[in-house]
Amino acid sequence: MSRLLIERTEAFVRERLDAGDVGHDWQHVDRVRRTAVMLGAAEGADLIVVELAALLHDVADWKFHDGDEFAGSRAATHWLRSQLAAPELVTLVAQIIDEVSFKGAGVQTQPTTLEGQVVQDADRLDAIGAIGIARAFAYGGHKKRALYDPLIPPTPHDSFEAYRQGTGPTINHFHEKLLLLKDRMNTATARQIAASRHRFMEAFLQQFAREWNGEDYRPVCG
């Protein structure tokens, strides 16, 4: 029954996210699912709970539902109940989805279960490194945000409301969120993966700054 529920949930999520934002589409969910299962196996988590929560974690992301931070857990609950899932499973998956999102630099968001920590780590790993960089600029373009503006400094949001209302340039998002994630991983396995992805982002930002300031130009001497 568990495997059948996962297969049906995969089909449901694929269809629901088929025309979504490219940074929060089925491919993102599938990457998070695969990473979460890998992390869960390494950390000894319940893999059925992990896989279901990973599949459903973006089924109604607050960023595309008028800032409603509980839209995702409601949609997941409705789906799982329609599939006659056990009430305790429904509750646990909904709780994980409520706790998974980053809500500002000054907001503590550590999940209360191992399964939630695994899913959060998997989601955050997909937000950093090469894919994270691509997703950040894809979302910035979707929102018509500037690449960078030196006159608009990053904001260390101290509440979810402030973070939700942020409209800064995409480069600011690295300082407001992405560069913070390495030190906010919950599991040892995720921390190991995050370290190299973090270094890649730092190298990218250094190169971006050199190009923005014209510092990568060296006159030819002859």
N, C-alpha and C. Protein backbone atom coordinates (compact mmCIF):
# COMPACT_ATOMS: atom_id res chain seq x y z
N MET A 1 0.83 -1.21 0.00
CA MET A 1 0.00 0.00 0.00
C MET A 1 0.86 1.26 0.00
N SER A 2 1.95 1.24 0.77
CA SER A 2 2.82 2.43 0.85
C SER A 2 3.42 2.77 -0.50
N ARG A 3 3.88 1.73 -1.22
CA ARG A 3 4.49 1.97 -2.54
C ARG A 3 3.47 2.50 -3.52
N LEU A 4 2.26 1.97 -3.46
CA LEU A 4 1.19 2.43 -4.35
C LEU A 4 0.85 3.89 -4.05
N LEU A 5 0.81 4.24 -2.77
CA LEU A 5 0.54 5.63 -2.39
C LEU A 5 1.63 6.56 -2.92
N ILE A 6 2.87 6.15 -2.85
CA ILE A 6 3.97 6.97 -3.36
C ILE A 6 3.85 7.14 -4.87
N GLU A 7 3.51 6.06 -5.58
CA GLU A 7 3.37 6.13 -7.04
C GLU A 7 2.23 7.07 -7.43
N ARG A 8 1.12 6.98 -6.72
CA ARG A 8 -0.02 7.86 -7.00
C ARG A 8 0.33 9.31 -6.66
N THR A 9 1.06 9.50 -5.58
CA THR A 9 1.46 10.85 -5.19
C THR A 9 2.41 11.45 -6.21
N GLU A 10 3.33 10.65 -6.72
CA GLU A 10 4.24 11.14 -7.76
C GLU A 10 3.46 11.61 -8.98
N ALA A 11 2.48 10.82 -9.42
CA ALA A 11 1.68 11.20 -10.59
C ALA A 11 0.88 12.48 -10.31
N PHE A 12 0.34 12.59 -9.12
CA PHE A 12 -0.42 13.78 -8.72
C PHE A 12 0.45 15.03 -8.75
N VAL A 13 1.65 14.94 -8.18
CA VAL A 13 2.54 16.09 -8.11
C VAL A 13 3.06 16.46 -9.50
N ARG A 14 3.41 15.46 -10.29
CA ARG A 14 3.86 15.72 -11.67
C ARG A 14 2.83 16.55 -12.42
N GLU A 15 1.58 16.14 -12.35
CA GLU A 15 0.52 16.84 -13.08
C GLU A 15 0.30 18.24 -12.51
N ARG A 16 0.34 18.38 -11.21
CA ARG A 16 0.05 19.66 -10.57
C ARG A 16 1.14 20.68 -10.83
N LEU A 17 2.40 20.24 -10.93
CA LEU A 17 3.52 21.17 -11.10
C LEU A 17 4.02 21.24 -12.53
N ASP A 18 3.31 20.64 -13.45
CA ASP A 18 3.79 20.54 -14.83
C ASP A 18 4.07 21.90 -15.46
N ALA A 19 3.24 22.91 -15.16
CA ALA A 19 3.41 24.23 -15.79
C ALA A 19 3.86 25.28 -14.78
N GLY A 20 4.52 24.85 -13.71
CA GLY A 20 4.92 25.79 -12.67
C GLY A 20 6.22 26.51 -12.98
N ASP A 21 6.64 27.35 -12.06
CA ASP A 21 7.92 28.05 -12.15
C ASP A 21 9.04 27.03 -12.29
N VAL A 22 10.01 27.30 -13.16
CA VAL A 22 11.04 26.30 -13.45
C VAL A 22 11.92 25.97 -12.25
N GLY A 23 11.98 26.87 -11.28
CA GLY A 23 12.77 26.60 -10.09
C GLY A 23 12.02 25.79 -9.05
N HIS A 24 10.70 25.66 -9.22
CA HIS A 24 9.87 24.93 -8.26
C HIS A 24 8.96 23.96 -9.01
N ASP A 25 9.52 23.32 -10.02
CA ASP A 25 8.75 22.43 -10.88
C ASP A 25 8.94 20.97 -10.46
N TRP A 26 8.45 20.05 -11.31
CA TRP A 26 8.58 18.64 -11.00
C TRP A 26 10.05 18.21 -10.90
N GLN A 27 10.90 18.78 -11.74
CA GLN A 27 12.32 18.40 -11.70
C GLN A 27 12.94 18.75 -10.35
N HIS A 28 12.58 19.90 -9.80
CA HIS A 28 13.05 20.27 -8.46
C HIS A 28 12.55 19.26 -7.43
N VAL A 29 11.28 18.96 -7.48
CA VAL A 29 10.70 18.02 -6.51
C VAL A 29 11.37 16.65 -6.62
N ASP A 30 11.61 16.19 -7.83
CA ASP A 30 12.24 14.89 -8.01
C ASP A 30 13.68 14.88 -7.49
N ARG A 31 14.41 15.97 -7.70
CA ARG A 31 15.77 16.05 -7.13
C ARG A 31 15.71 16.00 -5.61
N VAL A 32 14.78 16.77 -5.03
CA VAL A 32 14.65 16.79 -3.57
C VAL A 32 14.26 15.40 -3.07
N ARG A 33 13.35 14.74 -3.75
CA ARG A 33 12.93 13.40 -3.36
C ARG A 33 14.10 12.43 -3.35
N ARG A 34 14.89 12.44 -4.43
CA ARG A 34 16.03 11.51 -4.52
C ARG A 34 17.08 11.82 -3.45
N THR A 35 17.35 13.10 -3.24
CA THR A 35 18.32 13.48 -2.21
C THR A 35 17.80 13.13 -0.82
N ALA A 36 16.52 13.37 -0.57
CA ALA A 36 15.93 13.09 0.74
C ALA A 36 15.98 11.60 1.06
N VAL A 37 15.69 10.77 0.08
CA VAL A 37 15.75 9.32 0.30
C VAL A 37 17.18 8.89 0.60
N MET A 38 18.15 9.47 -0.11
CA MET A 38 19.55 9.16 0.15
C MET A 38 19.95 9.58 1.56
N LEU A 39 19.59 10.81 1.94
CA LEU A 39 19.91 11.31 3.28
C LEU A 39 19.19 10.48 4.34
N GLY A 40 17.93 10.16 4.08
CA GLY A 40 17.14 9.40 5.04
C GLY A 40 17.72 8.02 5.30
N ALA A 41 18.20 7.39 4.24
CA ALA A 41 18.83 6.08 4.40
C ALA A 41 20.10 6.19 5.22
N ALA A 42 20.88 7.23 4.99
CA ALA A 42 22.13 7.42 5.73
C ALA A 42 21.88 7.76 7.19
N GLU A 43 20.76 8.44 7.47
CA GLU A 43 20.50 8.92 8.83
C GLU A 43 19.53 8.03 9.62
N GLY A 44 18.99 7.00 8.95
CA GLY A 44 18.09 6.09 9.66
C GLY A 44 16.67 6.59 9.83
N ALA A 45 16.18 7.38 8.88
CA ALA A 45 14.83 7.93 8.95
C ALA A 45 13.82 6.96 8.33
N ASP A 46 12.55 7.20 8.57
CA ASP A 46 11.46 6.44 7.95
C ASP A 46 11.35 6.89 6.49
N LEU A 47 11.73 6.03 5.57
CA LEU A 47 11.84 6.45 4.17
C LEU A 47 10.49 6.65 3.50
N ILE A 48 9.44 5.98 3.97
CA ILE A 48 8.11 6.22 3.41
C ILE A 48 7.67 7.64 3.73
N VAL A 49 7.82 8.04 4.97
CA VAL A 49 7.46 9.41 5.38
C VAL A 49 8.32 10.42 4.63
N VAL A 50 9.60 10.16 4.55
CA VAL A 50 10.53 11.07 3.88
C VAL A 50 10.15 11.26 2.42
N GLU A 51 9.89 10.15 1.72
CA GLU A 51 9.60 10.26 0.29
C GLU A 51 8.28 10.96 0.03
N LEU A 52 7.27 10.65 0.82
CA LEU A 52 5.97 11.32 0.64
C LEU A 52 6.08 12.82 0.92
N ALA A 53 6.75 13.18 2.01
CA ALA A 53 6.88 14.60 2.35
C ALA A 53 7.71 15.34 1.30
N ALA A 54 8.76 14.70 0.80
CA ALA A 54 9.57 15.33 -0.24
C ALA A 54 8.76 15.55 -1.51
N LEU A 55 7.97 14.56 -1.88
CA LEU A 55 7.14 14.69 -3.08
C LEU A 55 6.12 15.82 -2.94
N LEU A 56 5.58 16.00 -1.74
CA LEU A 56 4.50 16.96 -1.54
C LEU A 56 4.95 18.32 -1.00
N HIS A 57 6.26 18.48 -0.77
CA HIS A 57 6.70 19.68 -0.04
C HIS A 57 6.44 20.98 -0.79
N ASP A 58 6.34 20.94 -2.12
CA ASP A 58 6.10 22.16 -2.90
C ASP A 58 4.77 22.11 -3.65
N VAL A 59 3.86 21.27 -3.19
CA VAL A 59 2.61 21.10 -3.93
C VAL A 59 1.78 22.39 -3.94
N ALA A 60 2.00 23.25 -2.95
CA ALA A 60 1.34 24.57 -2.92
C ALA A 60 2.27 25.53 -2.18
N ASP A 61 3.38 25.88 -2.81
CA ASP A 61 4.39 26.74 -2.21
C ASP A 61 3.80 28.11 -1.91
N TRP A 62 4.11 28.65 -0.71
CA TRP A 62 3.55 29.95 -0.31
C TRP A 62 3.91 31.06 -1.28
N LYS A 63 5.08 30.93 -1.95
CA LYS A 63 5.51 32.00 -2.87
C LYS A 63 4.56 32.16 -4.05
N PHE A 64 3.78 31.11 -4.33
CA PHE A 64 2.85 31.17 -5.46
C PHE A 64 1.40 31.08 -4.99
N HIS A 65 1.20 31.26 -3.68
CA HIS A 65 -0.17 31.21 -3.13
C HIS A 65 -0.38 32.39 -2.17
N ASP A 66 -0.06 33.58 -2.66
CA ASP A 66 -0.31 34.83 -1.92
C ASP A 66 0.30 34.84 -0.53
N GLY A 67 1.46 34.17 -0.39
CA GLY A 67 2.16 34.20 0.88
C GLY A 67 1.55 33.32 1.97
N ASP A 68 0.61 32.46 1.61
CA ASP A 68 -0.07 31.60 2.59
C ASP A 68 0.88 30.45 2.97
N GLU A 69 1.48 30.52 4.16
CA GLU A 69 2.49 29.53 4.54
C GLU A 69 1.91 28.16 4.86
N PHE A 70 0.57 28.06 4.98
CA PHE A 70 -0.06 26.77 5.27
C PHE A 70 -0.78 26.17 4.06
N ALA A 71 -0.63 26.81 2.90
CA ALA A 71 -1.29 26.29 1.69
C ALA A 71 -0.76 24.90 1.35
N GLY A 72 0.53 24.70 1.53
CA GLY A 72 1.13 23.41 1.18
C GLY A 72 0.65 22.27 2.05
N SER A 73 0.62 22.48 3.36
CA SER A 73 0.18 21.40 4.25
C SER A 73 -1.30 21.09 4.06
N ARG A 74 -2.10 22.12 3.75
CA ARG A 74 -3.52 21.87 3.49
C ARG A 74 -3.71 21.04 2.22
N ALA A 75 -2.98 21.39 1.17
CA ALA A 75 -3.10 20.64 -0.09
C ALA A 75 -2.63 19.20 0.09
N ALA A 76 -1.53 19.02 0.82
CA ALA A 76 -1.02 17.67 1.05
C ALA A 76 -1.99 16.85 1.89
N THR A 77 -2.56 17.48 2.91
CA THR A 77 -3.53 16.79 3.76
C THR A 77 -4.75 16.34 2.95
N HIS A 78 -5.24 17.24 2.13
CA HIS A 78 -6.41 16.91 1.28
C HIS A 78 -6.09 15.73 0.37
N TRP A 79 -4.91 15.75 -0.23
CA TRP A 79 -4.54 14.67 -1.14
C TRP A 79 -4.41 13.34 -0.39
N LEU A 80 -3.69 13.34 0.69
CA LEU A 80 -3.44 12.09 1.41
C LEU A 80 -4.74 11.51 1.98
N ARG A 81 -5.62 12.36 2.47
CA ARG A 81 -6.90 11.87 2.96
C ARG A 81 -7.73 11.27 1.82
N SER A 82 -7.63 11.87 0.63
CA SER A 82 -8.37 11.32 -0.51
C SER A 82 -7.86 9.94 -0.90
N GLN A 83 -6.63 9.62 -0.51
CA GLN A 83 -6.04 8.31 -0.79
C GLN A 83 -6.17 7.36 0.40
N LEU A 84 -6.94 7.79 1.42
CA LEU A 84 -7.19 6.97 2.62
C LEU A 84 -5.91 6.63 3.37
N ALA A 85 -4.96 7.57 3.37
CA ALA A 85 -3.72 7.37 4.12
C ALA A 85 -4.03 7.38 5.62
N ALA A 86 -3.20 6.69 6.39
CA ALA A 86 -3.39 6.63 7.84
C ALA A 86 -3.34 8.04 8.43
N PRO A 87 -4.23 8.37 9.37
CA PRO A 87 -4.27 9.72 9.95
C PRO A 87 -2.93 10.18 10.52
N GLU A 88 -2.19 9.27 11.18
CA GLU A 88 -0.91 9.67 11.76
C GLU A 88 0.11 10.01 10.67
N LEU A 89 0.02 9.32 9.53
CA LEU A 89 0.91 9.63 8.40
C LEU A 89 0.56 10.99 7.82
N VAL A 90 -0.72 11.27 7.67
CA VAL A 90 -1.17 12.57 7.15
C VAL A 90 -0.67 13.70 8.04
N THR A 91 -0.82 13.52 9.34
CA THR A 91 -0.40 14.56 10.29
C THR A 91 1.10 14.80 10.23
N LEU A 92 1.88 13.72 10.15
CA LEU A 92 3.33 13.85 10.13
C LEU A 92 3.82 14.53 8.86
N VAL A 93 3.27 14.15 7.71
CA VAL A 93 3.68 14.76 6.45
C VAL A 93 3.31 16.25 6.43
N ALA A 94 2.12 16.58 6.91
CA ALA A 94 1.69 17.98 6.96
C ALA A 94 2.60 18.80 7.87
N GLN A 95 2.99 18.22 8.99
CA GLN A 95 3.90 18.93 9.91
C GLN A 95 5.24 19.19 9.24
N ILE A 96 5.76 18.21 8.53
CA ILE A 96 7.05 18.39 7.84
C ILE A 96 6.95 19.52 6.82
N ILE A 97 5.87 19.56 6.07
CA ILE A 97 5.70 20.60 5.05
C ILE A 97 5.59 21.99 5.69
N ASP A 98 4.91 22.07 6.83
CA ASP A 98 4.81 23.35 7.54
C ASP A 98 6.17 23.84 8.03
N GLU A 99 7.07 22.91 8.32
CA GLU A 99 8.34 23.27 8.94
C GLU A 99 9.50 23.36 7.96
N VAL A 100 9.29 23.03 6.69
CA VAL A 100 10.43 22.85 5.78
C VAL A 100 11.03 24.16 5.28
N SER A 101 10.23 25.21 5.16
CA SER A 101 10.67 26.42 4.46
C SER A 101 11.61 27.30 5.29
N PHE A 102 12.52 27.96 4.58
CA PHE A 102 13.31 29.05 5.15
C PHE A 102 12.40 30.26 5.30
N LYS A 103 12.46 30.93 6.45
CA LYS A 103 11.52 32.03 6.71
C LYS A 103 12.21 33.32 7.12
N GLY A 104 13.49 33.43 6.83
CA GLY A 104 14.22 34.64 7.16
C GLY A 104 15.47 34.34 7.96
N ALA A 105 16.49 35.16 7.78
CA ALA A 105 17.78 34.93 8.44
C ALA A 105 17.66 34.87 9.96
N GLY A 106 16.73 35.63 10.51
CA GLY A 106 16.59 35.69 11.95
C GLY A 106 15.53 34.78 12.53
N VAL A 107 15.02 33.85 11.71
CA VAL A 107 13.94 32.96 12.15
C VAL A 107 14.45 31.53 12.26
N GLN A 108 14.27 30.92 13.43
CA GLN A 108 14.66 29.52 13.63
C GLN A 108 13.63 28.61 12.98
N THR A 109 14.10 27.68 12.14
CA THR A 109 13.17 26.80 11.43
C THR A 109 13.67 25.35 11.43
N GLN A 110 14.13 24.85 12.56
CA GLN A 110 14.58 23.46 12.60
C GLN A 110 13.39 22.54 12.82
N PRO A 111 13.16 21.59 11.92
CA PRO A 111 12.04 20.65 12.07
C PRO A 111 12.15 19.82 13.34
N THR A 112 11.01 19.36 13.82
CA THR A 112 10.96 18.65 15.09
C THR A 112 11.17 17.15 14.96
N THR A 113 11.17 16.62 13.74
CA THR A 113 11.39 15.18 13.54
C THR A 113 12.60 14.95 12.65
N LEU A 114 13.19 13.77 12.75
CA LEU A 114 14.31 13.42 11.88
C LEU A 114 13.90 13.46 10.42
N GLU A 115 12.71 12.94 10.13
CA GLU A 115 12.23 12.93 8.75
C GLU A 115 12.09 14.36 8.21
N GLY A 116 11.60 15.27 9.04
CA GLY A 116 11.50 16.66 8.63
C GLY A 116 12.85 17.29 8.40
N GLN A 117 13.80 16.96 9.25
CA GLN A 117 15.16 17.49 9.09
C GLN A 117 15.79 17.01 7.79
N VAL A 118 15.54 15.75 7.45
CA VAL A 118 16.07 15.18 6.21
C VAL A 118 15.47 15.88 4.99
N VAL A 119 14.15 16.06 4.99
CA VAL A 119 13.49 16.72 3.85
C VAL A 119 13.93 18.17 3.74
N GLN A 120 14.04 18.86 4.86
CA GLN A 120 14.51 20.24 4.83
C GLN A 120 15.93 20.31 4.28
N ASP A 121 16.81 19.43 4.72
CA ASP A 121 18.18 19.41 4.20
C ASP A 121 18.20 19.19 2.70
N ALA A 122 17.39 18.24 2.21
CA ALA A 122 17.35 17.94 0.78
C ALA A 122 16.87 19.15 -0.01
N ASP A 123 15.85 19.82 0.49
CA ASP A 123 15.32 21.01 -0.18
C ASP A 123 16.36 22.13 -0.20
N ARG A 124 17.08 22.28 0.91
CA ARG A 124 18.09 23.34 0.98
C ARG A 124 19.32 23.01 0.15
N LEU A 125 19.67 21.76 0.03
CA LEU A 125 20.79 21.39 -0.84
C LEU A 125 20.48 21.75 -2.29
N ASP A 126 19.21 21.66 -2.68
CA ASP A 126 18.83 22.01 -4.05
C ASP A 126 18.81 23.52 -4.26
N ALA A 127 18.94 24.28 -3.17
CA ALA A 127 18.95 25.75 -3.27
C ALA A 127 20.36 26.32 -3.34
N ILE A 128 21.37 25.46 -3.20
CA ILE A 128 22.75 25.95 -3.23
C ILE A 128 23.55 25.21 -4.29
N GLY A 129 24.78 25.67 -4.54
CA GLY A 129 25.59 25.07 -5.59
C GLY A 129 25.17 25.55 -6.96
N ALA A 130 25.57 24.82 -7.99
CA ALA A 130 25.30 25.23 -9.38
C ALA A 130 23.81 25.30 -9.66
N ILE A 131 23.07 24.28 -9.23
CA ILE A 131 21.63 24.28 -9.47
C ILE A 131 20.97 25.39 -8.67
N GLY A 132 21.43 25.61 -7.46
CA GLY A 132 20.87 26.69 -6.65
C GLY A 132 21.05 28.05 -7.30
N ILE A 133 22.21 28.27 -7.88
CA ILE A 133 22.46 29.53 -8.59
C ILE A 133 21.49 29.69 -9.75
N ALA A 134 21.34 28.62 -10.54
CA ALA A 134 20.42 28.66 -11.68
C ALA A 134 18.99 28.93 -11.23
N ARG A 135 18.57 28.28 -10.15
CA ARG A 135 17.21 28.45 -9.65
C ARG A 135 16.99 29.87 -9.12
N ALA A 136 18.00 30.43 -8.47
CA ALA A 136 17.87 31.79 -7.93
C ALA A 136 17.62 32.80 -9.04
N PHE A 137 18.37 32.69 -10.12
CA PHE A 137 18.19 33.65 -11.22
C PHE A 137 16.93 33.37 -12.02
N ALA A 138 16.52 32.10 -12.09
CA ALA A 138 15.25 31.78 -12.75
C ALA A 138 14.09 32.41 -11.99
N TYR A 139 14.12 32.31 -10.67
CA TYR A 139 13.05 32.89 -9.86
C TYR A 139 13.10 34.42 -9.91
N GLY A 140 14.31 34.98 -9.86
CA GLY A 140 14.43 36.42 -9.98
C GLY A 140 13.88 36.94 -11.30
N GLY A 141 14.16 36.22 -12.37
CA GLY A 141 13.60 36.60 -13.66
C GLY A 141 12.09 36.48 -13.69
N HIS A 142 11.58 35.41 -13.08
CA HIS A 142 10.13 35.21 -13.00
C HIS A 142 9.46 36.39 -12.28
N LYS A 143 10.15 36.93 -11.27
CA LYS A 143 9.62 38.04 -10.49
C LYS A 143 10.07 39.40 -11.04
N LYS A 144 10.81 39.39 -12.17
CA LYS A 144 11.31 40.61 -12.81
C LYS A 144 12.18 41.44 -11.87
N ARG A 145 13.04 40.76 -11.12
CA ARG A 145 13.95 41.44 -10.21
C ARG A 145 15.28 41.72 -10.89
N ALA A 146 15.94 42.78 -10.45
CA ALA A 146 17.26 43.12 -10.99
C ALA A 146 18.26 42.02 -10.62
N LEU A 147 19.29 41.87 -11.47
CA LEU A 147 20.36 40.95 -11.12
C LEU A 147 21.08 41.43 -9.87
N TYR A 148 21.43 42.72 -9.88
CA TYR A 148 22.21 43.29 -8.79
C TYR A 148 22.07 44.80 -8.82
N ASP A 149 22.07 45.41 -7.66
CA ASP A 149 22.06 46.86 -7.56
C ASP A 149 22.89 47.23 -6.33
N PRO A 150 24.08 47.80 -6.55
CA PRO A 150 24.95 48.11 -5.41
C PRO A 150 24.34 49.12 -4.44
N LEU A 151 23.30 49.82 -4.84
CA LEU A 151 22.65 50.79 -3.96
C LEU A 151 21.59 50.15 -3.05
N ILE A 152 21.31 48.86 -3.29
CA ILE A 152 20.32 48.15 -2.47
C ILE A 152 21.04 47.04 -1.70
N PRO A 153 21.36 47.26 -0.44
CA PRO A 153 22.10 46.25 0.33
C PRO A 153 21.20 45.07 0.72
N PRO A 154 21.78 43.92 0.99
CA PRO A 154 21.00 42.78 1.48
C PRO A 154 20.34 43.11 2.82
N THR A 155 19.22 42.45 3.09
CA THR A 155 18.48 42.66 4.33
C THR A 155 18.42 41.37 5.13
N PRO A 156 18.94 41.35 6.36
CA PRO A 156 18.84 40.16 7.20
C PRO A 156 17.46 40.10 7.86
N HIS A 157 16.48 39.55 7.15
CA HIS A 157 15.09 39.57 7.61
C HIS A 157 14.94 38.88 8.98
N ASP A 158 14.28 39.56 9.90
CA ASP A 158 14.13 39.02 11.24
C ASP A 158 12.74 38.45 11.51
N SER A 159 11.93 38.36 10.45
CA SER A 159 10.61 37.75 10.58
C SER A 159 10.20 37.18 9.23
N PHE A 160 9.27 36.22 9.26
CA PHE A 160 8.78 35.64 8.02
C PHE A 160 8.06 36.69 7.17
N GLU A 161 7.35 37.59 7.84
CA GLU A 161 6.63 38.63 7.12
C GLU A 161 7.60 39.51 6.34
N ALA A 162 8.71 39.89 6.96
CA ALA A 162 9.70 40.72 6.28
C ALA A 162 10.34 39.95 5.12
N TYR A 163 10.65 38.69 5.35
CA TYR A 163 11.26 37.87 4.29
C TYR A 163 10.29 37.70 3.13
N ARG A 164 9.03 37.46 3.45
CA ARG A 164 8.01 37.23 2.42
C ARG A 164 7.83 38.45 1.54
N GLN A 165 8.01 39.64 2.10
CA GLN A 165 7.78 40.88 1.35
C GLN A 165 9.04 41.39 0.64
N GLY A 166 10.15 40.68 0.78
CA GLY A 166 11.39 41.12 0.16
C GLY A 166 11.32 41.13 -1.35
N THR A 167 11.89 42.17 -1.94
CA THR A 167 11.87 42.31 -3.41
C THR A 167 13.26 42.70 -3.94
N GLY A 168 14.30 42.43 -3.17
CA GLY A 168 15.63 42.86 -3.55
C GLY A 168 16.18 42.13 -4.77
N PRO A 169 17.28 42.63 -5.32
CA PRO A 169 17.93 41.98 -6.46
C PRO A 169 18.34 40.54 -6.13
N THR A 170 18.51 39.74 -7.17
CA THR A 170 18.82 38.33 -6.97
C THR A 170 20.12 38.11 -6.22
N ILE A 171 21.14 38.89 -6.48
CA ILE A 171 22.41 38.72 -5.76
C ILE A 171 22.20 38.89 -4.26
N ASN A 172 21.30 39.74 -3.85
CA ASN A 172 21.02 39.91 -2.43
C ASN A 172 20.53 38.61 -1.80
N HIS A 173 19.81 37.82 -2.57
CA HIS A 173 19.24 36.57 -2.06
C HIS A 173 20.34 35.61 -1.59
N PHE A 174 21.50 35.69 -2.21
CA PHE A 174 22.61 34.85 -1.78
C PHE A 174 23.00 35.19 -0.34
N HIS A 175 23.05 36.48 -0.03
CA HIS A 175 23.46 36.92 1.30
C HIS A 175 22.32 36.81 2.32
N GLU A 176 21.10 36.92 1.84
CA GLU A 176 19.94 36.86 2.73
C GLU A 176 19.53 35.44 3.07
N LYS A 177 19.93 34.47 2.21
CA LYS A 177 19.52 33.09 2.44
C LYS A 177 20.57 32.06 2.06
N LEU A 178 20.96 32.02 0.79
CA LEU A 178 21.70 30.88 0.26
C LEU A 178 23.03 30.63 0.96
N LEU A 179 23.77 31.69 1.27
CA LEU A 179 25.06 31.52 1.93
C LEU A 179 24.90 31.13 3.42
N LEU A 180 23.70 31.23 3.94
CA LEU A 180 23.44 30.86 5.33
C LEU A 180 23.13 29.37 5.49
N LEU A 181 22.77 28.72 4.40
CA LEU A 181 22.22 27.37 4.50
C LEU A 181 23.24 26.32 4.91
N LYS A 182 24.50 26.48 4.53
CA LYS A 182 25.52 25.50 4.88
C LYS A 182 25.54 25.24 6.37
N ASP A 183 25.47 26.28 7.15
CA ASP A 183 25.55 26.15 8.61
C ASP A 183 24.22 25.84 9.27
N ARG A 184 23.17 25.68 8.44
CA ARG A 184 21.85 25.37 9.00
C ARG A 184 21.38 23.98 8.57
N MET A 185 22.28 23.17 8.02
CA MET A 185 21.92 21.80 7.71
C MET A 185 21.75 21.02 9.01
N ASN A 186 20.82 20.10 9.01
CA ASN A 186 20.50 19.34 10.21
C ASN A 186 21.33 18.07 10.36
N THR A 187 21.68 17.43 9.26
CA THR A 187 22.31 16.12 9.31
C THR A 187 23.76 16.17 8.86
N ALA A 188 24.53 15.23 9.36
CA ALA A 188 25.96 15.18 9.03
C ALA A 188 26.16 14.94 7.54
N THR A 189 25.34 14.10 6.95
CA THR A 189 25.46 13.81 5.52
C THR A 189 25.23 15.06 4.69
N ALA A 190 24.20 15.82 5.02
CA ALA A 190 23.90 17.05 4.28
C ALA A 190 24.99 18.09 4.46
N ARG A 191 25.54 18.19 5.66
CA ARG A 191 26.61 19.18 5.90
C ARG A 191 27.82 18.89 5.02
N GLN A 192 28.12 17.63 4.81
CA GLN A 192 29.25 17.27 3.96
C GLN A 192 29.01 17.70 2.51
N ILE A 193 27.82 17.47 2.01
CA ILE A 193 27.48 17.86 0.63
C ILE A 193 27.44 19.38 0.50
N ALA A 194 26.87 20.03 1.52
CA ALA A 194 26.70 21.49 1.46
C ALA A 194 28.02 22.23 1.39
N ALA A 195 29.06 21.69 1.99
CA ALA A 195 30.34 22.39 2.05
C ALA A 195 30.88 22.70 0.66
N SER A 196 30.87 21.72 -0.24
CA SER A 196 31.41 21.95 -1.58
C SER A 196 30.49 22.86 -2.40
N ARG A 197 29.19 22.72 -2.23
CA ARG A 197 28.26 23.58 -2.96
C ARG A 197 28.39 25.04 -2.49
N HIS A 198 28.63 25.21 -1.22
CA HIS A 198 28.82 26.55 -0.66
C HIS A 198 30.07 27.21 -1.27
N ARG A 199 31.15 26.45 -1.36
CA ARG A 199 32.39 26.98 -1.95
C ARG A 199 32.17 27.39 -3.40
N PHE A 200 31.38 26.61 -4.12
CA PHE A 200 31.09 26.94 -5.52
C PHE A 200 30.35 28.28 -5.61
N MET A 201 29.40 28.50 -4.72
CA MET A 201 28.67 29.78 -4.73
C MET A 201 29.58 30.94 -4.39
N GLU A 202 30.47 30.75 -3.44
CA GLU A 202 31.40 31.82 -3.09
C GLU A 202 32.28 32.17 -4.29
N ALA A 203 32.75 31.15 -5.01
CA ALA A 203 33.58 31.41 -6.19
C ALA A 203 32.77 32.15 -7.26
N PHE A 204 31.52 31.76 -7.45
CA PHE A 204 30.66 32.44 -8.42
C PHE A 204 30.48 33.91 -8.06
N LEU A 205 30.20 34.20 -6.80
CA LEU A 205 29.98 35.59 -6.37
C LEU A 205 31.24 36.43 -6.52
N GLN A 206 32.39 35.82 -6.27
CA GLN A 206 33.65 36.54 -6.46
C GLN A 206 33.85 36.89 -7.93
N GLN A 207 33.57 35.93 -8.80
CA GLN A 207 33.71 36.19 -10.24
C GLN A 207 32.67 37.20 -10.72
N PHE A 208 31.45 37.10 -10.21
CA PHE A 208 30.40 38.06 -10.56
C PHE A 208 30.86 39.48 -10.20
N ALA A 209 31.40 39.65 -9.01
CA ALA A 209 31.86 40.97 -8.57
C ALA A 209 32.99 41.49 -9.44
N ARG A 210 33.93 40.60 -9.80
CA ARG A 210 35.04 41.03 -10.68
C ARG A 210 34.52 41.51 -12.02
N GLU A 211 33.58 40.77 -12.59
CA GLU A 211 33.04 41.16 -13.89
C GLU A 211 32.21 42.43 -13.78
N TRP A 212 31.41 42.53 -12.72
CA TRP A 212 30.57 43.72 -12.53
C TRP A 212 31.43 44.99 -12.44
N ASN A 213 32.54 44.87 -11.75
CA ASN A 213 33.43 46.02 -11.53
C ASN A 213 34.51 46.16 -12.60
N GLY A 214 34.48 45.29 -13.60
CA GLY A 214 35.47 45.35 -14.66
C GLY A 214 36.87 44.98 -14.21
N GLU A 215 36.98 44.23 -13.13
CA GLU A 215 38.29 43.90 -12.58
C GLU A 215 38.93 42.69 -13.25
N ASP A 216 38.17 42.01 -14.13
CA ASP A 216 38.75 40.85 -14.81
C ASP A 216 39.44 41.26 -16.11
N TYR A 217 39.45 42.56 -16.41
CA TYR A 217 40.11 43.05 -17.62
C TYR A 217 41.58 43.35 -17.34
N ARG A 218 42.43 42.81 -18.15
CA ARG A 218 43.86 43.10 -18.04
C ARG A 218 44.36 43.54 -19.40
N PRO A 219 44.84 44.79 -19.53
CA PRO A 219 45.32 45.27 -20.83
C PRO A 219 46.48 44.41 -21.34
N VAL A 220 46.49 44.23 -22.63
CA VAL A 220 47.56 43.46 -23.27
C VAL A 220 48.79 44.37 -23.42
N CYS A 221 49.88 43.93 -22.88
CA CYS A 221 51.11 44.71 -23.00
C CYS A 221 51.94 44.16 -24.17
N GLY A 222 52.51 45.04 -24.95
CA GLY A 222 53.30 44.54 -26.07
C GLY A 222 54.20 45.61 -26.62
